[in-house]
């Protein structure tokens, strides 16, 4: 019984959300095909991102749609993350983890996730970014009766790396 009391359920880490991003670098047909890839993967409509400013060497103008992203939560996010980590062979660098306890990585080809190759769509790489949390973190985000999160309850890089190793039997490389 003493063991149960030491295990606090409010200290457990959970996956808040998974953000998927495909940056094409140009608007038009390639961007709409990239949005189809994200829609196939997540089953929800993706959102377009615009360029912040004009860069003539890249050939992009301000407010031109250049990327597409999607946020997934719950069991669907865990399932997509599992597929993404399988592509990376459950190996991430230490630099993939942020100081605030989140982590991200990229893959080169979306067809590695189990999506069938379609010649009319092509092959796209994508970024995965995982936002971690604990029960009670909403206190700092809500509008009414908000409060600060104490230092012991905040997430750290080491806690997230330990969660990744335990949950996925992953390996963190010291690079």
N, C-alpha and C. Protein backbone atom coordinates (compact mmCIF):
# COMPACT_ATOMS: atom_id res chain seq x y z
N UNK A 1 0.82 -1.20 0.00
CA UNK A 1 0.00 0.00 0.00
C UNK A 1 0.86 1.26 0.00
N UNK A 2 2.01 1.20 0.63
CA UNK A 2 2.91 2.34 0.65
C UNK A 2 3.45 2.63 -0.76
N UNK A 3 3.60 1.59 -1.58
CA UNK A 3 4.09 1.75 -2.95
C UNK A 3 3.07 2.51 -3.80
N UNK A 4 1.78 2.26 -3.57
CA UNK A 4 0.74 2.91 -4.35
C UNK A 4 0.69 4.41 -4.07
N UNK A 5 0.94 4.82 -2.83
CA UNK A 5 0.89 6.23 -2.49
C UNK A 5 2.05 7.02 -3.10
N UNK A 6 3.19 6.38 -3.26
CA UNK A 6 4.33 7.08 -3.84
C UNK A 6 4.13 7.31 -5.34
N UNK A 7 3.30 6.50 -5.96
CA UNK A 7 3.03 6.65 -7.39
C UNK A 7 1.88 7.63 -7.58
N UNK A 8 2.18 8.86 -7.96
CA UNK A 8 1.17 9.90 -8.14
C UNK A 8 0.72 9.93 -9.59
N UNK A 9 -0.58 9.76 -9.81
CA UNK A 9 -1.08 9.71 -11.20
C UNK A 9 -0.99 11.07 -11.89
N UNK A 10 -0.92 12.15 -11.12
CA UNK A 10 -0.79 13.48 -11.74
C UNK A 10 0.62 13.77 -12.22
N UNK A 11 1.57 12.90 -11.92
CA UNK A 11 2.94 13.08 -12.38
C UNK A 11 3.20 12.31 -13.68
N UNK A 12 2.27 11.50 -14.12
CA UNK A 12 2.46 10.70 -15.33
C UNK A 12 2.46 11.59 -16.58
N UNK A 13 3.36 11.28 -17.50
CA UNK A 13 3.44 12.03 -18.75
C UNK A 13 2.43 11.47 -19.73
N UNK A 14 1.88 12.36 -20.55
CA UNK A 14 0.96 11.93 -21.60
C UNK A 14 1.22 12.73 -22.86
N UNK A 15 0.82 12.17 -23.97
CA UNK A 15 0.99 12.81 -25.26
C UNK A 15 -0.18 13.78 -25.45
N UNK A 16 0.12 15.08 -25.43
CA UNK A 16 -0.93 16.09 -25.61
C UNK A 16 -1.41 16.11 -27.06
N UNK A 17 -0.43 16.29 -27.98
CA UNK A 17 -0.80 16.35 -29.40
C UNK A 17 0.41 16.03 -30.27
N UNK A 18 0.13 15.68 -31.50
CA UNK A 18 1.15 15.40 -32.51
C UNK A 18 0.91 16.36 -33.67
N UNK A 19 1.92 17.15 -34.00
CA UNK A 19 1.82 18.10 -35.11
C UNK A 19 2.59 17.55 -36.30
N UNK A 20 1.92 17.43 -37.42
CA UNK A 20 2.54 16.95 -38.66
C UNK A 20 2.65 18.12 -39.63
N UNK A 21 3.79 18.25 -40.28
CA UNK A 21 4.03 19.39 -41.16
C UNK A 21 4.73 18.92 -42.43
N UNK A 22 4.22 19.38 -43.57
CA UNK A 22 4.89 19.17 -44.85
C UNK A 22 5.11 20.55 -45.47
N UNK A 23 6.36 20.96 -45.60
CA UNK A 23 6.67 22.25 -46.20
C UNK A 23 7.16 22.00 -47.63
N UNK A 24 6.38 22.48 -48.58
CA UNK A 24 6.69 22.26 -49.99
C UNK A 24 7.57 23.39 -50.52
N UNK A 25 7.36 24.60 -50.03
CA UNK A 25 8.15 25.74 -50.47
C UNK A 25 7.57 26.48 -51.66
N UNK A 26 6.39 26.05 -52.10
CA UNK A 26 5.72 26.73 -53.22
C UNK A 26 4.23 26.40 -53.16
N UNK A 27 3.43 27.28 -53.74
CA UNK A 27 2.00 27.01 -53.79
C UNK A 27 1.68 26.28 -55.09
N UNK A 28 0.46 25.86 -55.21
CA UNK A 28 0.04 25.21 -56.45
C UNK A 28 -0.20 23.73 -56.30
N UNK A 29 0.10 23.00 -57.36
CA UNK A 29 -0.24 21.59 -57.45
C UNK A 29 0.49 20.73 -56.43
N UNK A 30 1.79 20.99 -56.21
CA UNK A 30 2.56 20.20 -55.25
C UNK A 30 2.00 20.34 -53.83
N UNK A 31 1.53 21.53 -53.50
CA UNK A 31 0.97 21.78 -52.17
C UNK A 31 -0.36 21.05 -51.97
N UNK A 32 -1.20 21.04 -53.00
CA UNK A 32 -2.48 20.33 -52.88
C UNK A 32 -2.26 18.82 -52.79
N UNK A 33 -1.23 18.32 -53.47
CA UNK A 33 -0.92 16.88 -53.37
C UNK A 33 -0.39 16.56 -51.98
N UNK A 34 0.39 17.46 -51.39
CA UNK A 34 0.89 17.26 -50.03
C UNK A 34 -0.26 17.26 -49.02
N UNK A 35 -1.27 18.09 -49.27
CA UNK A 35 -2.43 18.11 -48.37
C UNK A 35 -3.21 16.80 -48.46
N UNK A 36 -3.23 16.19 -49.66
CA UNK A 36 -3.89 14.89 -49.82
C UNK A 36 -3.17 13.82 -49.01
N UNK A 37 -1.83 13.90 -48.98
CA UNK A 37 -1.04 12.95 -48.20
C UNK A 37 -1.40 13.05 -46.72
N UNK A 38 -1.44 14.28 -46.20
CA UNK A 38 -1.79 14.46 -44.79
C UNK A 38 -3.22 14.03 -44.49
N UNK A 39 -4.11 14.27 -45.43
CA UNK A 39 -5.50 13.87 -45.23
C UNK A 39 -5.63 12.35 -45.22
N UNK A 40 -4.87 11.67 -46.07
CA UNK A 40 -4.87 10.20 -46.06
C UNK A 40 -4.34 9.67 -44.74
N UNK A 41 -3.29 10.29 -44.24
CA UNK A 41 -2.63 9.81 -43.02
C UNK A 41 -3.47 10.06 -41.77
N UNK A 42 -4.05 11.25 -41.66
CA UNK A 42 -4.74 11.62 -40.42
C UNK A 42 -6.26 11.44 -40.47
N UNK A 43 -6.83 11.52 -41.66
CA UNK A 43 -8.28 11.43 -41.77
C UNK A 43 -8.98 12.74 -41.43
N UNK A 44 -8.23 13.84 -41.37
CA UNK A 44 -8.84 15.15 -41.12
C UNK A 44 -8.24 16.18 -42.08
N UNK A 45 -8.95 17.28 -42.24
CA UNK A 45 -8.54 18.29 -43.21
C UNK A 45 -7.34 19.08 -42.69
N UNK A 46 -6.25 19.16 -43.46
CA UNK A 46 -5.09 19.93 -43.01
C UNK A 46 -5.27 21.43 -43.24
N UNK A 47 -4.38 22.21 -42.63
CA UNK A 47 -4.43 23.67 -42.70
C UNK A 47 -3.21 24.15 -43.48
N UNK A 48 -3.39 25.19 -44.28
CA UNK A 48 -2.29 25.74 -45.07
C UNK A 48 -1.54 26.81 -44.27
N UNK A 49 -0.22 26.86 -44.43
CA UNK A 49 0.62 27.88 -43.80
C UNK A 49 1.15 28.82 -44.87
N UNK A 50 1.24 30.10 -44.52
CA UNK A 50 1.70 31.11 -45.47
C UNK A 50 3.13 31.55 -45.15
N UNK A 51 3.82 32.03 -46.16
CA UNK A 51 5.18 32.56 -45.98
C UNK A 51 5.11 33.87 -45.22
N UNK A 52 6.05 34.08 -44.30
CA UNK A 52 6.06 35.30 -43.50
C UNK A 52 6.57 36.49 -44.28
N UNK A 53 7.56 36.26 -45.14
CA UNK A 53 8.08 37.35 -45.95
C UNK A 53 8.64 36.83 -47.27
N UNK A 54 8.87 37.75 -48.20
CA UNK A 54 9.34 37.41 -49.53
C UNK A 54 10.83 37.08 -49.49
N UNK A 55 11.20 35.97 -50.11
CA UNK A 55 12.61 35.61 -50.29
C UNK A 55 12.79 35.32 -51.77
N UNK A 56 13.43 36.26 -52.47
CA UNK A 56 13.53 36.15 -53.93
C UNK A 56 14.37 34.96 -54.36
N UNK A 57 15.43 34.63 -53.59
CA UNK A 57 16.29 33.50 -54.00
C UNK A 57 15.54 32.17 -53.95
N UNK A 58 14.56 32.07 -53.04
CA UNK A 58 13.75 30.85 -52.96
C UNK A 58 12.53 30.91 -53.88
N UNK A 59 12.23 32.11 -54.38
CA UNK A 59 11.08 32.27 -55.27
C UNK A 59 9.75 32.23 -54.55
N UNK A 60 9.71 32.69 -53.28
CA UNK A 60 8.44 32.74 -52.56
C UNK A 60 8.11 34.18 -52.20
N UNK A 61 6.81 34.47 -52.19
CA UNK A 61 6.32 35.81 -51.85
C UNK A 61 5.62 35.79 -50.50
N UNK A 62 5.50 36.95 -49.89
CA UNK A 62 4.82 37.07 -48.60
C UNK A 62 3.36 36.66 -48.75
N UNK A 63 2.86 35.94 -47.76
CA UNK A 63 1.47 35.44 -47.70
C UNK A 63 1.14 34.40 -48.77
N UNK A 64 2.14 33.87 -49.44
CA UNK A 64 1.91 32.78 -50.38
C UNK A 64 1.85 31.46 -49.59
N UNK A 65 0.91 30.60 -49.90
CA UNK A 65 0.80 29.32 -49.21
C UNK A 65 1.97 28.44 -49.61
N UNK A 66 2.75 28.00 -48.61
CA UNK A 66 3.95 27.20 -48.93
C UNK A 66 4.02 25.89 -48.16
N UNK A 67 3.16 25.70 -47.16
CA UNK A 67 3.23 24.49 -46.36
C UNK A 67 1.83 24.07 -45.93
N UNK A 68 1.75 22.84 -45.42
CA UNK A 68 0.48 22.31 -44.94
C UNK A 68 0.76 21.55 -43.65
N UNK A 69 -0.09 21.76 -42.64
CA UNK A 69 0.13 21.07 -41.37
C UNK A 69 -1.20 20.61 -40.77
N UNK A 70 -1.07 19.72 -39.79
CA UNK A 70 -2.23 19.10 -39.18
C UNK A 70 -1.90 18.73 -37.74
N UNK A 71 -2.83 18.90 -36.83
CA UNK A 71 -2.65 18.54 -35.43
C UNK A 71 -3.57 17.38 -35.09
N UNK A 72 -3.00 16.34 -34.51
CA UNK A 72 -3.75 15.13 -34.18
C UNK A 72 -3.63 14.89 -32.68
N UNK A 73 -4.72 14.47 -32.05
CA UNK A 73 -4.72 14.19 -30.62
C UNK A 73 -5.28 12.80 -30.35
N UNK A 74 -5.04 12.32 -29.14
CA UNK A 74 -5.65 11.07 -28.69
C UNK A 74 -4.98 9.82 -29.25
N UNK A 75 -5.79 8.77 -29.38
CA UNK A 75 -5.28 7.46 -29.82
C UNK A 75 -4.74 7.51 -31.25
N UNK A 76 -5.36 8.33 -32.09
CA UNK A 76 -4.90 8.47 -33.48
C UNK A 76 -3.48 9.04 -33.52
N UNK A 77 -3.19 9.99 -32.63
CA UNK A 77 -1.85 10.58 -32.56
C UNK A 77 -0.82 9.54 -32.13
N UNK A 78 -1.16 8.71 -31.15
CA UNK A 78 -0.24 7.67 -30.69
C UNK A 78 0.04 6.65 -31.79
N UNK A 79 -1.00 6.33 -32.56
CA UNK A 79 -0.84 5.34 -33.64
C UNK A 79 0.05 5.90 -34.76
N UNK A 80 -0.13 7.17 -35.12
CA UNK A 80 0.70 7.78 -36.17
C UNK A 80 2.13 7.96 -35.68
N UNK A 81 2.30 8.33 -34.41
CA UNK A 81 3.64 8.48 -33.83
C UNK A 81 4.37 7.14 -33.83
N UNK A 82 3.66 6.08 -33.51
CA UNK A 82 4.26 4.73 -33.52
C UNK A 82 4.78 4.38 -34.92
N UNK A 83 3.99 4.70 -35.95
CA UNK A 83 4.40 4.43 -37.32
C UNK A 83 5.61 5.28 -37.72
N UNK A 84 5.63 6.54 -37.27
CA UNK A 84 6.76 7.41 -37.57
C UNK A 84 8.04 6.97 -36.89
N UNK A 85 7.92 6.52 -35.64
CA UNK A 85 9.10 6.05 -34.91
C UNK A 85 9.61 4.72 -35.47
N UNK A 86 8.70 3.93 -36.03
CA UNK A 86 9.13 2.66 -36.65
C UNK A 86 10.03 2.94 -37.86
N UNK A 87 9.71 4.03 -38.59
CA UNK A 87 10.55 4.44 -39.73
C UNK A 87 11.94 4.83 -39.24
N UNK A 88 12.00 5.55 -38.10
CA UNK A 88 13.28 5.97 -37.52
C UNK A 88 13.95 4.87 -36.71
N UNK A 89 13.34 3.68 -36.70
CA UNK A 89 13.83 2.52 -35.96
C UNK A 89 13.97 2.81 -34.47
N UNK A 90 13.06 3.60 -33.95
CA UNK A 90 12.99 3.97 -32.52
C UNK A 90 14.29 4.57 -32.01
N UNK A 91 15.00 5.27 -32.87
CA UNK A 91 16.25 5.94 -32.50
C UNK A 91 16.10 7.44 -32.73
N UNK A 92 16.32 8.22 -31.69
CA UNK A 92 16.31 9.68 -31.80
C UNK A 92 17.58 10.24 -31.20
N UNK A 93 18.00 11.40 -31.69
CA UNK A 93 19.16 12.07 -31.12
C UNK A 93 18.74 12.82 -29.86
N UNK A 94 19.72 13.08 -29.02
CA UNK A 94 19.45 13.86 -27.82
C UNK A 94 19.00 15.27 -28.17
N UNK A 95 19.48 15.78 -29.30
CA UNK A 95 19.11 17.12 -29.74
C UNK A 95 17.69 17.19 -30.30
N UNK A 96 17.03 16.04 -30.51
CA UNK A 96 15.63 16.04 -30.94
C UNK A 96 14.68 16.47 -29.82
N UNK A 97 15.16 16.43 -28.58
CA UNK A 97 14.32 16.75 -27.42
C UNK A 97 14.57 18.19 -27.00
N UNK A 98 13.48 18.93 -26.72
CA UNK A 98 13.62 20.33 -26.30
C UNK A 98 13.72 20.41 -24.78
N UNK A 99 14.11 21.57 -24.29
CA UNK A 99 14.26 21.78 -22.84
C UNK A 99 12.91 21.76 -22.13
N UNK A 100 11.83 22.04 -22.85
CA UNK A 100 10.50 22.06 -22.25
C UNK A 100 9.81 20.70 -22.28
N UNK A 101 10.53 19.66 -22.71
CA UNK A 101 9.99 18.31 -22.64
C UNK A 101 9.24 17.85 -23.87
N UNK A 102 9.37 18.55 -24.98
CA UNK A 102 8.75 18.11 -26.23
C UNK A 102 9.83 17.55 -27.14
N UNK A 103 9.44 16.85 -28.19
CA UNK A 103 10.44 16.35 -29.13
C UNK A 103 9.87 16.28 -30.54
N UNK A 104 10.79 16.26 -31.51
CA UNK A 104 10.40 16.22 -32.90
C UNK A 104 11.43 15.53 -33.75
N UNK A 105 11.00 15.06 -34.91
CA UNK A 105 11.89 14.41 -35.86
C UNK A 105 11.26 14.48 -37.24
N UNK A 106 12.03 14.15 -38.25
CA UNK A 106 11.54 14.19 -39.61
C UNK A 106 11.76 12.88 -40.33
N UNK A 107 10.93 12.61 -41.33
CA UNK A 107 11.12 11.43 -42.17
C UNK A 107 11.25 11.89 -43.62
N UNK A 108 11.95 11.11 -44.43
CA UNK A 108 12.23 11.49 -45.81
C UNK A 108 11.09 11.16 -46.77
N UNK A 109 10.42 10.02 -46.56
CA UNK A 109 9.39 9.57 -47.49
C UNK A 109 8.14 9.15 -46.74
N UNK A 110 7.00 9.69 -47.13
CA UNK A 110 5.75 9.37 -46.44
C UNK A 110 5.29 7.93 -46.70
N UNK A 111 5.77 7.32 -47.77
CA UNK A 111 5.33 5.96 -48.09
C UNK A 111 5.87 4.94 -47.07
N UNK A 112 6.90 5.33 -46.30
CA UNK A 112 7.40 4.45 -45.25
C UNK A 112 6.40 4.26 -44.12
N UNK A 113 5.42 5.17 -44.02
CA UNK A 113 4.42 5.09 -42.96
C UNK A 113 3.33 4.07 -43.25
N UNK A 114 3.37 3.46 -44.40
CA UNK A 114 2.37 2.46 -44.75
C UNK A 114 1.34 2.96 -45.74
N UNK A 115 1.51 4.18 -46.22
CA UNK A 115 0.61 4.71 -47.25
C UNK A 115 1.08 4.20 -48.60
N UNK A 116 0.13 3.72 -49.40
CA UNK A 116 0.49 3.16 -50.70
C UNK A 116 0.97 4.27 -51.64
N UNK A 117 2.01 3.98 -52.41
CA UNK A 117 2.57 4.96 -53.34
C UNK A 117 1.60 5.21 -54.48
N UNK A 118 1.35 6.49 -54.75
CA UNK A 118 0.49 6.91 -55.85
C UNK A 118 1.32 7.79 -56.77
N UNK A 119 1.56 7.36 -58.03
CA UNK A 119 2.40 8.16 -58.94
C UNK A 119 1.86 9.57 -59.19
N UNK A 120 0.55 9.75 -59.10
CA UNK A 120 -0.02 11.09 -59.34
C UNK A 120 0.26 12.03 -58.16
N UNK A 121 0.52 11.49 -56.97
CA UNK A 121 0.81 12.33 -55.80
C UNK A 121 2.31 12.55 -55.63
N UNK A 122 3.10 11.50 -55.74
CA UNK A 122 4.55 11.61 -55.56
C UNK A 122 4.96 11.24 -54.15
N UNK A 123 6.18 11.62 -53.76
CA UNK A 123 6.72 11.30 -52.44
C UNK A 123 7.05 12.59 -51.71
N UNK A 124 6.62 12.68 -50.46
CA UNK A 124 6.86 13.86 -49.62
C UNK A 124 7.48 13.43 -48.29
N UNK A 125 8.37 14.27 -47.79
CA UNK A 125 8.88 14.10 -46.44
C UNK A 125 8.03 14.92 -45.50
N UNK A 126 8.13 14.63 -44.20
CA UNK A 126 7.33 15.40 -43.25
C UNK A 126 8.00 15.48 -41.89
N UNK A 127 7.60 16.48 -41.13
CA UNK A 127 8.09 16.70 -39.78
C UNK A 127 7.05 16.23 -38.78
N UNK A 128 7.51 15.56 -37.74
CA UNK A 128 6.66 15.16 -36.62
C UNK A 128 7.10 16.00 -35.42
N UNK A 129 6.17 16.60 -34.72
CA UNK A 129 6.51 17.29 -33.47
C UNK A 129 5.51 16.87 -32.40
N UNK A 130 6.04 16.34 -31.29
CA UNK A 130 5.21 15.79 -30.22
C UNK A 130 5.24 16.74 -29.03
N UNK A 131 4.06 17.17 -28.60
CA UNK A 131 3.93 18.02 -27.43
C UNK A 131 3.47 17.16 -26.26
N UNK A 132 4.30 17.13 -25.23
CA UNK A 132 4.02 16.30 -24.05
C UNK A 132 3.35 17.15 -22.98
N UNK A 133 2.68 16.49 -22.03
CA UNK A 133 2.03 17.21 -20.95
C UNK A 133 1.77 16.31 -19.76
N UNK A 134 1.24 16.92 -18.72
CA UNK A 134 0.84 16.22 -17.51
C UNK A 134 -0.57 16.67 -17.16
N UNK A 135 -1.30 15.89 -16.37
CA UNK A 135 -2.59 16.39 -15.89
C UNK A 135 -2.37 17.66 -15.07
N UNK A 136 -3.17 18.68 -15.32
CA UNK A 136 -3.06 19.92 -14.58
C UNK A 136 -2.34 21.04 -15.31
N UNK A 137 -1.78 20.77 -16.49
CA UNK A 137 -1.07 21.82 -17.22
C UNK A 137 -2.03 22.83 -17.85
N UNK A 138 -3.30 22.50 -17.91
CA UNK A 138 -4.29 23.41 -18.48
C UNK A 138 -4.44 24.66 -17.62
N UNK A 139 -4.10 24.56 -16.35
CA UNK A 139 -4.21 25.68 -15.41
C UNK A 139 -3.48 26.91 -15.95
N UNK A 140 -2.33 26.70 -16.59
CA UNK A 140 -1.56 27.84 -17.10
C UNK A 140 -2.08 28.36 -18.44
N UNK A 141 -2.92 27.60 -19.12
CA UNK A 141 -3.40 27.99 -20.44
C UNK A 141 -4.80 28.56 -20.45
N UNK A 142 -5.60 28.22 -19.44
CA UNK A 142 -7.00 28.65 -19.46
C UNK A 142 -7.13 30.14 -19.19
N UNK A 143 -8.25 30.73 -19.58
CA UNK A 143 -8.45 32.16 -19.47
C UNK A 143 -8.97 32.56 -18.09
N UNK A 144 -9.92 31.81 -17.57
CA UNK A 144 -10.55 32.13 -16.29
C UNK A 144 -9.87 31.35 -15.16
N UNK A 145 -9.50 32.02 -14.12
CA UNK A 145 -8.86 31.42 -12.94
C UNK A 145 -7.59 30.66 -13.30
N UNK A 146 -6.72 31.31 -14.07
CA UNK A 146 -5.48 30.67 -14.47
C UNK A 146 -4.47 30.76 -13.33
N UNK A 147 -3.44 29.94 -13.43
CA UNK A 147 -2.39 29.95 -12.42
C UNK A 147 -1.07 29.51 -13.03
N UNK A 148 -0.02 29.62 -12.25
CA UNK A 148 1.29 29.21 -12.72
C UNK A 148 1.55 27.76 -12.38
N UNK A 149 2.36 27.12 -13.22
CA UNK A 149 2.78 25.75 -12.96
C UNK A 149 4.09 25.81 -12.20
N UNK A 150 4.16 25.10 -11.09
CA UNK A 150 5.38 25.09 -10.29
C UNK A 150 6.50 24.34 -10.99
N UNK A 151 7.72 24.66 -10.61
CA UNK A 151 8.90 24.06 -11.24
C UNK A 151 8.93 22.53 -11.14
N UNK A 152 8.53 21.91 -10.03
CA UNK A 152 8.56 20.44 -9.98
C UNK A 152 7.57 19.77 -10.93
N UNK A 153 6.51 20.51 -11.32
CA UNK A 153 5.49 19.92 -12.19
C UNK A 153 5.77 20.14 -13.67
N UNK A 154 6.72 21.04 -13.98
CA UNK A 154 7.06 21.28 -15.38
C UNK A 154 7.82 20.09 -15.95
N UNK A 155 7.71 19.93 -17.26
CA UNK A 155 8.40 18.83 -17.93
C UNK A 155 9.84 19.20 -18.23
N UNK A 156 10.72 18.22 -18.16
CA UNK A 156 12.11 18.45 -18.50
C UNK A 156 12.52 17.51 -19.63
N UNK A 157 13.64 17.80 -20.22
CA UNK A 157 14.19 17.00 -21.31
C UNK A 157 14.44 15.56 -20.85
N UNK A 158 15.00 15.41 -19.65
CA UNK A 158 15.35 14.08 -19.14
C UNK A 158 14.11 13.22 -18.89
N UNK A 159 13.04 13.84 -18.37
CA UNK A 159 11.81 13.09 -18.11
C UNK A 159 11.19 12.58 -19.41
N UNK A 160 11.20 13.42 -20.44
CA UNK A 160 10.63 13.01 -21.72
C UNK A 160 11.48 11.92 -22.37
N UNK A 161 12.81 12.03 -22.25
CA UNK A 161 13.67 10.98 -22.81
C UNK A 161 13.44 9.65 -22.07
N UNK A 162 13.24 9.70 -20.76
CA UNK A 162 12.95 8.48 -20.00
C UNK A 162 11.61 7.89 -20.41
N UNK A 163 10.60 8.76 -20.65
CA UNK A 163 9.28 8.29 -21.10
C UNK A 163 9.39 7.63 -22.47
N UNK A 164 10.18 8.24 -23.37
CA UNK A 164 10.37 7.69 -24.71
C UNK A 164 11.04 6.32 -24.65
N UNK A 165 12.06 6.17 -23.81
CA UNK A 165 12.75 4.89 -23.67
C UNK A 165 11.83 3.82 -23.10
N UNK A 166 11.01 4.20 -22.11
CA UNK A 166 10.13 3.23 -21.45
C UNK A 166 8.94 2.86 -22.34
N UNK A 167 8.33 3.86 -22.94
CA UNK A 167 7.09 3.64 -23.69
C UNK A 167 7.32 2.91 -25.02
N UNK A 168 8.40 3.28 -25.73
CA UNK A 168 8.65 2.72 -27.05
C UNK A 168 9.87 1.81 -27.11
N UNK A 169 10.51 1.56 -25.98
CA UNK A 169 11.81 0.85 -25.95
C UNK A 169 12.79 1.51 -26.90
N UNK A 170 12.78 2.84 -26.90
CA UNK A 170 13.59 3.61 -27.82
C UNK A 170 15.01 3.80 -27.35
N UNK A 171 15.83 4.29 -28.27
CA UNK A 171 17.24 4.56 -28.00
C UNK A 171 17.49 6.05 -28.26
N UNK A 172 18.14 6.71 -27.30
CA UNK A 172 18.51 8.11 -27.46
C UNK A 172 20.00 8.18 -27.71
N UNK A 173 20.37 8.67 -28.89
CA UNK A 173 21.78 8.76 -29.26
C UNK A 173 22.37 10.07 -28.75
N UNK A 174 23.62 10.04 -28.30
CA UNK A 174 24.28 11.24 -27.76
C UNK A 174 24.96 12.03 -28.86
N UNK A 175 24.20 12.53 -29.80
CA UNK A 175 24.75 13.32 -30.90
C UNK A 175 24.21 14.71 -30.84
